[in-house]
Protein backbone atom coordinates (compact mmCIF):
# COMPACT_ATOMS: atom_id res chain seq x y z
CA MET A 1 -2.22 21.33 8.17
CA ILE A 2 -4.34 21.02 5.03
CA LEU A 3 -3.47 18.47 2.33
CA GLU A 4 -4.79 18.17 -1.22
CA ILE A 5 -3.73 15.39 -3.59
CA LEU A 6 -4.80 16.17 -7.16
CA THR A 7 -4.60 14.28 -10.46
CA PRO A 8 -5.61 15.69 -13.87
CA GLU A 9 -8.86 13.73 -13.57
CA ARG A 10 -9.94 14.29 -9.96
CA LYS A 11 -9.20 15.26 -6.37
CA LEU A 12 -7.90 12.14 -4.57
CA PHE A 13 -7.72 13.59 -1.07
CA SER A 14 -8.55 16.82 0.69
CA GLY A 15 -8.49 17.39 4.43
CA GLU A 16 -6.66 18.04 7.67
CA VAL A 17 -3.61 15.82 8.30
CA TYR A 18 -0.76 15.43 10.78
CA GLY A 19 1.93 14.88 8.13
CA ILE A 20 2.81 13.38 4.77
CA GLN A 21 5.72 11.24 3.55
CA MET A 22 6.66 11.49 -0.13
CA PRO A 23 9.14 9.97 -2.61
CA GLY A 24 11.34 12.92 -3.62
CA ILE A 25 13.72 12.73 -6.57
CA SER A 26 16.73 12.59 -4.20
CA GLY A 27 15.03 10.43 -1.56
CA SER A 28 11.98 10.23 0.65
CA PHE A 29 11.05 13.14 2.89
CA GLU A 30 8.32 14.12 5.34
CA VAL A 31 6.36 17.32 5.82
CA LEU A 32 4.81 18.13 9.22
CA ASP A 33 2.79 21.03 10.63
CA LYS A 34 4.24 24.52 9.99
CA HIS A 35 6.88 23.26 7.54
CA ALA A 36 8.96 25.86 5.70
CA PRO A 37 7.81 26.76 2.16
CA LEU A 38 8.93 24.14 -0.36
CA VAL A 39 8.50 23.05 -3.97
CA SER A 40 9.83 19.64 -5.00
CA ALA A 41 9.57 17.08 -7.79
CA LEU A 42 8.32 13.63 -6.85
CA LYS A 43 9.30 10.32 -8.41
CA ALA A 44 7.11 7.24 -8.74
CA GLY A 45 6.48 5.61 -5.38
CA ARG A 46 4.22 5.74 -2.35
CA VAL A 47 2.77 8.82 -0.67
CA LYS A 48 1.86 8.09 2.95
CA VAL A 49 -0.68 10.40 4.60
CA LEU A 50 -0.40 10.54 8.41
CA ARG A 51 -3.96 11.35 9.38
CA ASP A 52 -3.23 11.87 13.12
CA LYS A 53 -0.62 11.34 15.84
CA GLN A 54 -1.96 7.82 16.53
CA SER A 55 -0.44 6.50 13.27
CA HIS A 56 -3.69 6.24 11.28
CA THR A 57 -2.46 6.35 7.67
CA THR A 58 -3.67 6.26 4.09
CA SER A 59 -1.26 5.49 1.25
CA TYR A 60 -1.33 6.25 -2.47
CA ASN A 61 0.89 4.84 -5.22
CA ILE A 62 1.89 7.68 -7.56
CA GLN A 63 3.60 7.85 -10.93
CA GLY A 64 5.46 11.08 -10.17
CA GLY A 65 4.56 14.74 -9.88
CA PHE A 66 5.22 17.82 -7.77
CA VAL A 67 4.51 19.09 -4.25
CA GLU A 68 4.13 22.63 -2.96
CA VAL A 69 4.15 23.54 0.74
CA LEU A 70 3.01 27.08 1.55
CA ASN A 71 1.24 28.63 4.56
CA ASN A 72 0.59 25.25 6.23
CA LYS A 73 -1.09 23.88 3.09
CA VAL A 74 0.40 21.00 1.09
CA THR A 75 -0.66 20.56 -2.53
CA VAL A 76 0.47 17.37 -4.29
CA LEU A 77 0.01 17.32 -8.07
CA VAL A 78 0.48 13.83 -9.50
CA GLU A 79 0.25 12.38 -13.00
CA GLY A 80 -1.40 9.15 -11.97
CA ALA A 81 -2.31 7.79 -8.56
CA LYS A 82 -4.44 5.21 -6.83
CA GLU A 83 -5.05 4.29 -3.21
CA ALA A 84 -2.62 1.58 -2.06
CA GLU A 85 -4.02 -1.64 -0.66
């Protein structure tokens, strides 16, 4: 599936991924390939990008935002974010 992580200033990530874990308002959740359509608010926390099935990951600390899942594309709109160390 395709993932884009966007802030008001720039595009943080764009590319093909296996899945993504996010901090939802009611708890963390994960989106995988062919997920049902979804719109959700995100709270401050860590977004974990699963780049492939072999557990290669990239993480970002976010200050909150929204996610939309539609037609196997995930768009994450966040207020502030930086790559986690």
